[in-house]
Amino acid sequence: MKILRIKDNQGFYTITGDEYIPIDKVGKNDLLALVELALGDDFEIDSYSDDILSHQSHQIIYKSISEKLLDLNQRKDEFKDESERLYLEEYEKYKAVSSS
């Protein structure tokens, strides 16, 4: 699903895939939902371009959000591996106790 898009020289985002909202209206709950979507497999955004986005506030917000979501999406396997390592030791302890 394309969660960030550029249309008519403005940036937009969507959480549901149905309704696109101007990027300058994004709130903290929306950002959290976008992060969750960026960690999924069906993640797509329009590439940032100063030439296409003429609205200055949209440029700043869209560029910042898109860079962070792209980085997060590219590093999602790293985060998953790190979280699995974090709990592996406790899992092994629990497994040893429960099999006794």
PDB file of N, CA and C in Angstrom:
ATOM      1  N   MET A   1       0.846  -1.172   0.000  1.00  0.00           N
ATOM      2  CA  MET A   1       0.000   0.000   0.000  1.00  0.00           C
ATOM      3  C   MET A   1       0.895   1.240   0.000  1.00  0.00           C
ATOM      4  N   LYS A   2       0.539   2.201  -0.788  1.00  0.00           N
ATOM      5  CA  LYS A   2       1.284   3.467  -0.847  1.00  0.00           C
ATOM      6  C   LYS A   2       0.775   4.348   0.291  1.00  0.00           C
ATOM      7  N   ILE A   3       1.647   4.553   1.304  1.00  0.00           N
ATOM      8  CA  ILE A   3       1.211   5.316   2.473  1.00  0.00           C
ATOM      9  C   ILE A   3       1.557   6.802   2.381  1.00  0.00           C
ATOM     10  N   LEU A   4       2.528   7.153   1.544  1.00  0.00           N
ATOM     11  CA  LEU A   4       2.851   8.564   1.281  1.00  0.00           C
ATOM     12  C   LEU A   4       2.811   8.784  -0.218  1.00  0.00           C
ATOM     13  N   ARG A   5       2.140   9.842  -0.617  1.00  0.00           N
ATOM     14  CA  ARG A   5       2.109  10.133  -2.051  1.00  0.00           C
ATOM     15  C   ARG A   5       2.135  11.629  -2.285  1.00  0.00           C
ATOM     16  N   ILE A   6       2.555  11.978  -3.476  1.00  0.00           N
ATOM     17  CA  ILE A   6       2.598  13.377  -3.892  1.00  0.00           C
ATOM     18  C   ILE A   6       1.614  13.544  -5.046  1.00  0.00           C
ATOM     19  N   LYS A   7       0.730  14.512  -4.878  1.00  0.00           N
ATOM     20  CA  LYS A   7      -0.278  14.767  -5.909  1.00  0.00           C
ATOM     21  C   LYS A   7      -0.593  16.258  -5.897  1.00  0.00           C
ATOM     22  N   ASP A   8      -0.699  16.845  -7.063  1.00  0.00           N
ATOM     23  CA  ASP A   8      -1.021  18.276  -7.190  1.00  0.00           C
ATOM     24  C   ASP A   8      -0.070  19.150  -6.373  1.00  0.00           C
ATOM     25  N   ASN A   9       1.235  18.823  -6.418  1.00  0.00           N
ATOM     26  CA  ASN A   9       2.285  19.589  -5.738  1.00  0.00           C
ATOM     27  C   ASN A   9       2.157  19.607  -4.214  1.00  0.00           C
ATOM     28  N   GLN A  10       1.450  18.632  -3.652  1.00  0.00           N
ATOM     29  CA  GLN A  10       1.298  18.532  -2.213  1.00  0.00           C
ATOM     30  C   GLN A  10       1.555  17.099  -1.760  1.00  0.00           C
ATOM     31  N   GLY A  11       1.956  16.939  -0.501  1.00  0.00           N
ATOM     32  CA  GLY A  11       2.185  15.626   0.064  1.00  0.00           C
ATOM     33  C   GLY A  11       0.973  15.146   0.839  1.00  0.00           C
ATOM     34  N   PHE A  12       0.722  13.845   0.753  1.00  0.00           N
ATOM     35  CA  PHE A  12      -0.423  13.237   1.438  1.00  0.00           C
ATOM     36  C   PHE A  12       0.013  11.934   2.097  1.00  0.00           C
ATOM     37  N   TYR A  13      -0.734  11.520   3.129  1.00  0.00           N
ATOM     38  CA  TYR A  13      -0.494  10.231   3.771  1.00  0.00           C
ATOM     39  C   TYR A  13      -1.826   9.515   3.953  1.00  0.00           C
ATOM     40  N   THR A  14      -1.742   8.206   4.152  1.00  0.00           N
ATOM     41  CA  THR A  14      -2.931   7.419   4.442  1.00  0.00           C
ATOM     42  C   THR A  14      -2.583   6.333   5.446  1.00  0.00           C
ATOM     43  N   ILE A  15      -3.535   6.022   6.267  1.00  0.00           N
ATOM     44  CA  ILE A  15      -3.408   4.924   7.224  1.00  0.00           C
ATOM     45  C   ILE A  15      -4.218   3.736   6.733  1.00  0.00           C
ATOM     46  N   THR A  16      -5.342   4.016   6.113  1.00  0.00           N
ATOM     47  CA  THR A  16      -6.279   2.976   5.692  1.00  0.00           C
ATOM     48  C   THR A  16      -6.113   2.548   4.243  1.00  0.00           C
ATOM     49  N   GLY A  17      -5.507   3.396   3.422  1.00  0.00           N
ATOM     50  CA  GLY A  17      -5.388   3.109   1.998  1.00  0.00           C
ATOM     51  C   GLY A  17      -6.535   3.686   1.201  1.00  0.00           C
ATOM     52  N   ASP A  18      -7.546   4.198   1.887  1.00  0.00           N
ATOM     53  CA  ASP A  18      -8.713   4.756   1.209  1.00  0.00           C
ATOM     54  C   ASP A  18      -8.654   6.274   1.101  1.00  0.00           C
ATOM     55  N   GLU A  19      -8.426   6.925   2.230  1.00  0.00           N
ATOM     56  CA  GLU A  19      -8.466   8.385   2.287  1.00  0.00           C
ATOM     57  C   GLU A  19      -7.060   8.940   2.476  1.00  0.00           C
ATOM     58  N   TYR A  20      -6.656   9.837   1.588  1.00  0.00           N
ATOM     59  CA  TYR A  20      -5.358  10.496   1.701  1.00  0.00           C
ATOM     60  C   TYR A  20      -5.556  11.868   2.336  1.00  0.00           C
ATOM     61  N   ILE A  21      -4.739  12.150   3.360  1.00  0.00           N
ATOM     62  CA  ILE A  21      -4.855  13.361   4.162  1.00  0.00           C
ATOM     63  C   ILE A  21      -3.603  14.212   3.906  1.00  0.00           C
ATOM     64  N   PRO A  22      -3.761  15.544   3.821  1.00  0.00           N
ATOM     65  CA  PRO A  22      -2.573  16.392   3.627  1.00  0.00           C
ATOM     66  C   PRO A  22      -1.529  16.134   4.722  1.00  0.00           C
ATOM     67  N   ILE A  23      -0.277  16.054   4.322  1.00  0.00           N
ATOM     68  CA  ILE A  23       0.818  15.681   5.219  1.00  0.00           C
ATOM     69  C   ILE A  23       0.978  16.663   6.376  1.00  0.00           C
ATOM     70  N   ASP A  24       0.568  17.922   6.201  1.00  0.00           N
ATOM     71  CA  ASP A  24       0.705  18.889   7.282  1.00  0.00           C
ATOM     72  C   ASP A  24      -0.352  18.710   8.381  1.00  0.00           C
ATOM     73  N   LYS A  25      -1.244  17.750   8.209  1.00  0.00           N
ATOM     74  CA  LYS A  25      -2.270  17.446   9.214  1.00  0.00           C
ATOM     75  C   LYS A  25      -1.906  16.214  10.041  1.00  0.00           C
ATOM     76  N   VAL A  26      -0.724  15.636   9.835  1.00  0.00           N
ATOM     77  CA  VAL A  26      -0.327  14.409  10.509  1.00  0.00           C
ATOM     78  C   VAL A  26      -0.160  14.658  12.006  1.00  0.00           C
ATOM     79  N   GLY A  27      -0.662  13.714  12.807  1.00  0.00           N
ATOM     80  CA  GLY A  27      -0.551  13.795  14.260  1.00  0.00           C
ATOM     81  C   GLY A  27       0.290  12.654  14.801  1.00  0.00           C
ATOM     82  N   LYS A  28       0.509  12.638  16.112  1.00  0.00           N
ATOM     83  CA  LYS A  28       1.387  11.620  16.685  1.00  0.00           C
ATOM     84  C   LYS A  28       0.805  10.217  16.548  1.00  0.00           C
ATOM     85  N   ASN A  29      -0.512  10.059  16.651  1.00  0.00           N
ATOM     86  CA  ASN A  29      -1.116   8.735  16.462  1.00  0.00           C
ATOM     87  C   ASN A  29      -0.989   8.273  15.014  1.00  0.00           C
ATOM     88  N   ASP A  30      -1.106   9.218  14.092  1.00  0.00           N
ATOM     89  CA  ASP A  30      -0.928   8.906  12.677  1.00  0.00           C
ATOM     90  C   ASP A  30       0.516   8.467  12.403  1.00  0.00           C
ATOM     91  N   LEU A  31       1.475   9.160  13.026  1.00  0.00           N
ATOM     92  CA  LEU A  31       2.890   8.796  12.848  1.00  0.00           C
ATOM     93  C   LEU A  31       3.154   7.384  13.351  1.00  0.00           C
ATOM     94  N   LEU A  32       2.571   7.037  14.488  1.00  0.00           N
ATOM     95  CA  LEU A  32       2.736   5.691  15.022  1.00  0.00           C
ATOM     96  C   LEU A  32       2.158   4.651  14.062  1.00  0.00           C
ATOM     97  N   ALA A  33       1.001   4.946  13.502  1.00  0.00           N
ATOM     98  CA  ALA A  33       0.386   4.030  12.532  1.00  0.00           C
ATOM     99  C   ALA A  33       1.247   3.922  11.271  1.00  0.00           C
ATOM    100  N   LEU A  34       1.841   5.017  10.826  1.00  0.00           N
ATOM    101  CA  LEU A  34       2.719   4.985   9.652  1.00  0.00           C
ATOM    102  C   LEU A  34       3.962   4.144   9.934  1.00  0.00           C
ATOM    103  N   VAL A  35       4.488   4.239  11.149  1.00  0.00           N
ATOM    104  CA  VAL A  35       5.645   3.417  11.534  1.00  0.00           C
ATOM    105  C   VAL A  35       5.277   1.941  11.465  1.00  0.00           C
ATOM    106  N   GLU A  36       4.118   1.588  11.991  1.00  0.00           N
ATOM    107  CA  GLU A  36       3.673   0.192  11.943  1.00  0.00           C
ATOM    108  C   GLU A  36       3.530  -0.287  10.497  1.00  0.00           C
ATOM    109  N   LEU A  37       2.999   0.563   9.634  1.00  0.00           N
ATOM    110  CA  LEU A  37       2.865   0.203   8.224  1.00  0.00           C
ATOM    111  C   LEU A  37       4.233   0.063   7.563  1.00  0.00           C
ATOM    112  N   ALA A  38       5.177   0.908   7.950  1.00  0.00           N
ATOM    113  CA  ALA A  38       6.527   0.853   7.378  1.00  0.00           C
ATOM    114  C   ALA A  38       7.242  -0.439   7.771  1.00  0.00           C
ATOM    115  N   LEU A  39       6.860  -1.031   8.883  1.00  0.00           N
ATOM    116  CA  LEU A  39       7.466  -2.281   9.317  1.00  0.00           C
ATOM    117  C   LEU A  39       6.842  -3.493   8.631  1.00  0.00           C
ATOM    118  N   GLY A  40       5.775  -3.279   7.893  1.00  0.00           N
ATOM    119  CA  GLY A  40       5.116  -4.364   7.174  1.00  0.00           C
ATOM    120  C   GLY A  40       5.764  -4.641   5.831  1.00  0.00           C
ATOM    121  N   ASP A  41       5.230  -5.636   5.149  1.00  0.00           N
ATOM    122  CA  ASP A  41       5.780  -6.036   3.854  1.00  0.00           C
ATOM    123  C   ASP A  41       5.217  -5.214   2.697  1.00  0.00           C
ATOM    124  N   ASP A  42       4.018  -4.705   2.848  1.00  0.00           N
ATOM    125  CA  ASP A  42       3.346  -3.961   1.784  1.00  0.00           C
ATOM    126  C   ASP A  42       3.525  -2.464   2.018  1.00  0.00           C
ATOM    127  N   PHE A  43       4.744  -1.962   1.804  1.00  0.00           N
ATOM    128  CA  PHE A  43       5.098  -0.576   2.112  1.00  0.00           C
ATOM    129  C   PHE A  43       5.599   0.104   0.850  1.00  0.00           C
ATOM    130  N   GLU A  44       5.013   1.269   0.553  1.00  0.00           N
ATOM    131  CA  GLU A  44       5.434   2.013  -0.633  1.00  0.00           C
ATOM    132  C   GLU A  44       5.187   3.500  -0.400  1.00  0.00           C
ATOM    133  N   ILE A  45       6.100   4.331  -0.904  1.00  0.00           N
ATOM    134  CA  ILE A  45       5.910   5.779  -0.855  1.00  0.00           C
ATOM    135  C   ILE A  45       6.405   6.384  -2.167  1.00  0.00           C
ATOM    136  N   ASP A  46       5.888   7.577  -2.469  1.00  0.00           N
ATOM    137  CA  ASP A  46       6.419   8.332  -3.605  1.00  0.00           C
ATOM    138  C   ASP A  46       7.754   8.932  -3.187  1.00  0.00           C
ATOM    139  N   SER A  47       8.702   8.934  -4.087  1.00  0.00           N
ATOM    140  CA  SER A  47      10.013   9.516  -3.808  1.00  0.00           C
ATOM    141  C   SER A  47       9.897  11.018  -3.619  1.00  0.00           C
ATOM    142  N   TYR A  48      10.658  11.526  -2.666  1.00  0.00           N
ATOM    143  CA  TYR A  48      10.655  12.960  -2.380  1.00  0.00           C
ATOM    144  C   TYR A  48      11.362  13.727  -3.498  1.00  0.00           C
ATOM    145  N   SER A  49      10.806  14.887  -3.833  1.00  0.00           N
ATOM    146  CA  SER A  49      11.418  15.766  -4.820  1.00  0.00           C
ATOM    147  C   SER A  49      10.982  17.203  -4.560  1.00  0.00           C
ATOM    148  N   ASP A  50      11.978  18.105  -4.447  1.00  0.00           N
ATOM    149  CA  ASP A  50      11.673  19.536  -4.288  1.00  0.00           C
ATOM    150  C   ASP A  50      10.891  20.068  -5.482  1.00  0.00           C
ATOM    151  N   ASP A  51      11.185  19.517  -6.650  1.00  0.00           N
ATOM    152  CA  ASP A  51      10.555  19.998  -7.876  1.00  0.00           C
ATOM    153  C   ASP A  51       9.066  19.683  -7.917  1.00  0.00           C
ATOM    154  N   ILE A  52       8.688  18.540  -7.363  1.00  0.00           N
ATOM    155  CA  ILE A  52       7.288  18.112  -7.421  1.00  0.00           C
ATOM    156  C   ILE A  52       6.470  18.736  -6.297  1.00  0.00           C
ATOM    157  N   LEU A  53       7.061  18.833  -5.108  1.00  0.00           N
ATOM    158  CA  LEU A  53       6.382  19.438  -3.959  1.00  0.00           C
ATOM    159  C   LEU A  53       6.693  20.931  -3.912  1.00  0.00           C
ATOM    160  N   SER A  54       5.725  21.754  -4.241  1.00  0.00           N
ATOM    161  CA  SER A  54       5.981  23.196  -4.255  1.00  0.00           C
ATOM    162  C   SER A  54       5.597  23.855  -2.934  1.00  0.00           C
ATOM    163  N   HIS A  55       4.761  23.223  -2.151  1.00  0.00           N
ATOM    164  CA  HIS A  55       4.316  23.756  -0.863  1.00  0.00           C
ATOM    165  C   HIS A  55       5.435  23.552   0.157  1.00  0.00           C
ATOM    166  N   GLN A  56       5.995  24.655   0.697  1.00  0.00           N
ATOM    167  CA  GLN A  56       7.199  24.570   1.524  1.00  0.00           C
ATOM    168  C   GLN A  56       7.003  23.736   2.788  1.00  0.00           C
ATOM    169  N   SER A  57       5.897  23.886   3.494  1.00  0.00           N
ATOM    170  CA  SER A  57       5.692  23.087   4.709  1.00  0.00           C
ATOM    171  C   SER A  57       5.544  21.611   4.357  1.00  0.00           C
ATOM    172  N   HIS A  58       4.932  21.308   3.243  1.00  0.00           N
ATOM    173  CA  HIS A  58       4.800  19.922   2.800  1.00  0.00           C
ATOM    174  C   HIS A  58       6.177  19.343   2.471  1.00  0.00           C
ATOM    175  N   GLN A  59       7.054  20.172   1.880  1.00  0.00           N
ATOM    176  CA  GLN A  59       8.414  19.712   1.572  1.00  0.00           C
ATOM    177  C   GLN A  59       9.139  19.266   2.835  1.00  0.00           C
ATOM    178  N   ILE A  60       9.104  20.101   3.855  1.00  0.00           N
ATOM    179  CA  ILE A  60       9.820  19.815   5.096  1.00  0.00           C
ATOM    180  C   ILE A  60       9.261  18.576   5.775  1.00  0.00           C
ATOM    181  N   ILE A  61       7.957  18.511   5.921  1.00  0.00           N
ATOM    182  CA  ILE A  61       7.321  17.395   6.629  1.00  0.00           C
ATOM    183  C   ILE A  61       7.462  16.102   5.837  1.00  0.00           C
ATOM    184  N   TYR A  62       7.164  16.156   4.543  1.00  0.00           N
ATOM    185  CA  TYR A  62       7.217  14.949   3.712  1.00  0.00           C
ATOM    186  C   TYR A  62       8.635  14.388   3.677  1.00  0.00           C
ATOM    187  N   LYS A  63       9.620  15.259   3.502  1.00  0.00           N
ATOM    188  CA  LYS A  63      11.008  14.801   3.423  1.00  0.00           C
ATOM    189  C   LYS A  63      11.427  14.119   4.728  1.00  0.00           C
ATOM    190  N   SER A  64      11.112  14.729   5.843  1.00  0.00           N
ATOM    191  CA  SER A  64      11.487  14.177   7.143  1.00  0.00           C
ATOM    192  C   SER A  64      10.818  12.816   7.393  1.00  0.00           C
ATOM    193  N   ILE A  65       9.528  12.753   7.187  1.00  0.00           N
ATOM    194  CA  ILE A  65       8.793  11.509   7.440  1.00  0.00           C
ATOM    195  C   ILE A  65       9.234  10.418   6.470  1.00  0.00           C
ATOM    196  N   SER A  66       9.363  10.755   5.196  1.00  0.00           N
ATOM    197  CA  SER A  66       9.714   9.726   4.205  1.00  0.00           C
ATOM    198  C   SER A  66      11.107   9.155   4.467  1.00  0.00           C
ATOM    199  N   GLU A  67      12.074  10.008   4.821  1.00  0.00           N
ATOM    200  CA  GLU A  67      13.428   9.514   5.108  1.00  0.00           C
ATOM    201  C   GLU A  67      13.428   8.561   6.292  1.00  0.00           C
ATOM    202  N   LYS A  68      12.710   8.919   7.344  1.00  0.00           N
ATOM    203  CA  LYS A  68      12.681   8.086   8.542  1.00  0.00           C
ATOM    204  C   LYS A  68      11.950   6.764   8.304  1.00  0.00           C
ATOM    205  N   LEU A  69      10.852   6.808   7.562  1.00  0.00           N
ATOM    206  CA  LEU A  69      10.110   5.574   7.278  1.00  0.00           C
ATOM    207  C   LEU A  69      10.898   4.646   6.361  1.00  0.00           C
ATOM    208  N   LEU A  70      11.586   5.212   5.377  1.00  0.00           N
ATOM    209  CA  LEU A  70      12.413   4.386   4.492  1.00  0.00           C
ATOM    210  C   LEU A  70      13.547   3.719   5.267  1.00  0.00           C
ATOM    211  N   ASP A  71      14.188   4.469   6.152  1.00  0.00           N
ATOM    212  CA  ASP A  71      15.264   3.914   6.975  1.00  0.00           C
ATOM    213  C   ASP A  71      14.734   2.804   7.874  1.00  0.00           C
ATOM    214  N   LEU A  72      13.600   3.043   8.485  1.00  0.00           N
ATOM    215  CA  LEU A  72      12.985   2.042   9.354  1.00  0.00           C
ATOM    216  C   LEU A  72      12.630   0.786   8.574  1.00  0.00           C
ATOM    217  N   ASN A  73      12.055   0.957   7.408  1.00  0.00           N
ATOM    218  CA  ASN A  73      11.682  -0.190   6.582  1.00  0.00           C
ATOM    219  C   ASN A  73      12.906  -0.996   6.164  1.00  0.00           C
ATOM    220  N   GLN A  74      13.995  -0.327   5.837  1.00  0.00           N
ATOM    221  CA  GLN A  74      15.208  -1.025   5.422  1.00  0.00           C
ATOM    222  C   GLN A  74      15.872  -1.747   6.587  1.00  0.00           C
ATOM    223  N   ARG A  75      15.651  -1.269   7.801  1.00  0.00           N
ATOM    224  CA  ARG A  75      16.305  -1.852   8.971  1.00  0.00           C
ATOM    225  C   ARG A  75      15.386  -2.765   9.784  1.00  0.00           C
ATOM    226  N   LYS A  76      14.188  -3.084   9.271  1.00  0.00           N
ATOM    227  CA  LYS A  76      13.231  -3.858  10.057  1.00  0.00           C
ATOM    228  C   LYS A  76      13.758  -5.242  10.427  1.00  0.00           C
ATOM    229  N   ASP A  77      14.519  -5.892   9.553  1.00  0.00           N
ATOM    230  CA  ASP A  77      15.087  -7.201   9.885  1.00  0.00           C
ATOM    231  C   ASP A  77      16.106  -7.083  11.012  1.00  0.00           C
ATOM    232  N   GLU A  78      16.869  -6.012  10.986  1.00  0.00           N
ATOM    233  CA  GLU A  78      17.845  -5.761  12.052  1.00  0.00           C
ATOM    234  C   GLU A  78      17.131  -5.599  13.404  1.00  0.00           C
ATOM    235  N   PHE A  79      16.021  -4.859  13.422  1.00  0.00           N
ATOM    236  CA  PHE A  79      15.259  -4.673  14.657  1.00  0.00           C
ATOM    237  C   PHE A  79      14.665  -5.992  15.140  1.00  0.00           C
ATOM    238  N   LYS A  80      14.174  -6.777  14.210  1.00  0.00           N
ATOM    239  CA  LYS A  80      13.589  -8.077  14.573  1.00  0.00           C
ATOM    240  C   LYS A  80      14.658  -8.985  15.176  1.00  0.00           C
ATOM    241  N   ASP A  81      15.827  -9.068  14.549  1.00  0.00           N
ATOM    242  CA  ASP A  81      16.920  -9.892  15.072  1.00  0.00           C
ATOM    243  C   ASP A  81      17.349  -9.422  16.455  1.00  0.00           C
ATOM    244  N   GLU A  82      17.432  -8.123  16.640  1.00  0.00           N
ATOM    245  CA  GLU A  82      17.844  -7.568  17.925  1.00  0.00           C
ATOM    246  C   GLU A  82      16.834  -7.909  19.020  1.00  0.00           C
ATOM    247  N   SER A  83      15.553  -7.810  18.706  1.00  0.00           N
ATOM    248  CA  SER A  83      14.541  -8.129  19.713  1.00  0.00           C
ATOM    249  C   SER A  83      14.526  -9.614  20.030  1.00  0.00           C
ATOM    250  N   GLU A  84      14.779 -10.455  19.032  1.00  0.00           N
ATOM    251  CA  GLU A  84      14.841 -11.896  19.292  1.00  0.00           C
ATOM    252  C   GLU A  84      16.029 -12.237  20.181  1.00  0.00           C
ATOM    253  N   ARG A  85      17.174 -11.602  19.955  1.00  0.00           N
ATOM    254  CA  ARG A  85      18.351 -11.830  20.804  1.00  0.00           C
ATOM    255  C   ARG A  85      18.114 -11.351  22.227  1.00  0.00           C
ATOM    256  N   LEU A  86      17.366 -10.270  22.359  1.00  0.00           N
ATOM    257  CA  LEU A  86      17.084  -9.695  23.659  1.00  0.00           C
ATOM    258  C   LEU A  86      16.338 -10.683  24.556  1.00  0.00           C
ATOM    259  N   TYR A  87      15.423 -11.432  23.989  1.00  0.00           N
ATOM    260  CA  TYR A  87      14.609 -12.347  24.776  1.00  0.00           C
ATOM    261  C   TYR A  87      15.070 -13.796  24.709  1.00  0.00           C
ATOM    262  N   LEU A  88      16.080 -14.088  23.926  1.00  0.00           N
ATOM    263  CA  LEU A  88      16.546 -15.459  23.768  1.00  0.00           C
ATOM    264  C   LEU A  88      17.037 -16.051  25.083  1.00  0.00           C
ATOM    265  N   GLU A  89      17.812 -15.284  25.834  1.00  0.00           N
ATOM    266  CA  GLU A  89      18.354 -15.787  27.100  1.00  0.00           C
ATOM    267  C   GLU A  89      17.216 -16.136  28.071  1.00  0.00           C
ATOM    268  N   GLU A  90      16.240 -15.263  28.193  1.00  0.00           N
ATOM    269  CA  GLU A  90      15.112 -15.536  29.081  1.00  0.00           C
ATOM    270  C   GLU A  90      14.305 -16.732  28.589  1.00  0.00           C
ATOM    271  N   TYR A  91      14.142 -16.849  27.297  1.00  0.00           N
ATOM    272  CA  TYR A  91      13.430 -17.990  26.719  1.00  0.00           C
ATOM    273  C   TYR A  91      14.145 -19.299  27.050  1.00  0.00           C
ATOM    274  N   GLU A  92      15.457 -19.290  26.903  1.00  0.00           N
ATOM    275  CA  GLU A  92      16.242 -20.489  27.206  1.00  0.00           C
ATOM    276  C   GLU A  92      16.127 -20.862  28.683  1.00  0.00           C
ATOM    277  N   LYS A  93      16.141 -19.894  29.590  1.00  0.00           N
ATOM    278  CA  LYS A  93      15.970 -20.168  31.022  1.00  0.00           C
ATOM    279  C   LYS A  93      14.605 -20.781  31.289  1.00  0.00           C
ATOM    280  N   TYR A  94      13.566 -20.191  30.707  1.00  0.00           N
ATOM    281  CA  TYR A  94      12.213 -20.694  30.902  1.00  0.00           C
ATOM    282  C   TYR A  94      12.076 -22.107  30.332  1.00  0.00           C
ATOM    283  N   LYS A  95      12.664 -22.347  29.197  1.00  0.00           N
ATOM    284  CA  LYS A  95      12.604 -23.644  28.549  1.00  0.00           C
ATOM    285  C   LYS A  95      13.280 -24.709  29.410  1.00  0.00           C
ATOM    286  N   ALA A  96      14.427 -24.364  30.023  1.00  0.00           N
ATOM    287  CA  ALA A  96      15.153 -25.309  30.880  1.00  0.00           C
ATOM    288  C   ALA A  96      14.352 -25.606  32.132  1.00  0.00           C
ATOM    289  N   VAL A  97      13.714 -24.618  32.737  1.00  0.00           N
ATOM    290  CA  VAL A  97      12.925 -24.814  33.954  1.00  0.00           C
ATOM    291  C   VAL A  97      11.680 -25.625  33.671  1.00  0.00           C
ATOM    292  N   SER A  98      11.012 -25.363  32.579  1.00  0.00           N
ATOM    293  CA  SER A  98       9.760 -26.061  32.258  1.00  0.00           C
ATOM    294  C   SER A  98       9.976 -27.496  31.846  1.00  0.00           C
ATOM    295  N   SER A  99      11.153 -27.838  31.354  1.00  0.00           N
ATOM    296  CA  SER A  99      11.420 -29.227  30.946  1.00  0.00           C
ATOM    297  C   SER A  99      11.926 -30.078  32.117  1.00  0.00           C
ATOM    298  N   SER A 100      12.215 -29.448  33.256  1.00  0.00           N
ATOM    299  CA  SER A 100      12.714 -30.185  34.437  1.00  0.00           C
ATOM    300  C   SER A 100      11.614 -30.875  35.178  1.00  0.00           C
TER     301      SER A 100
END
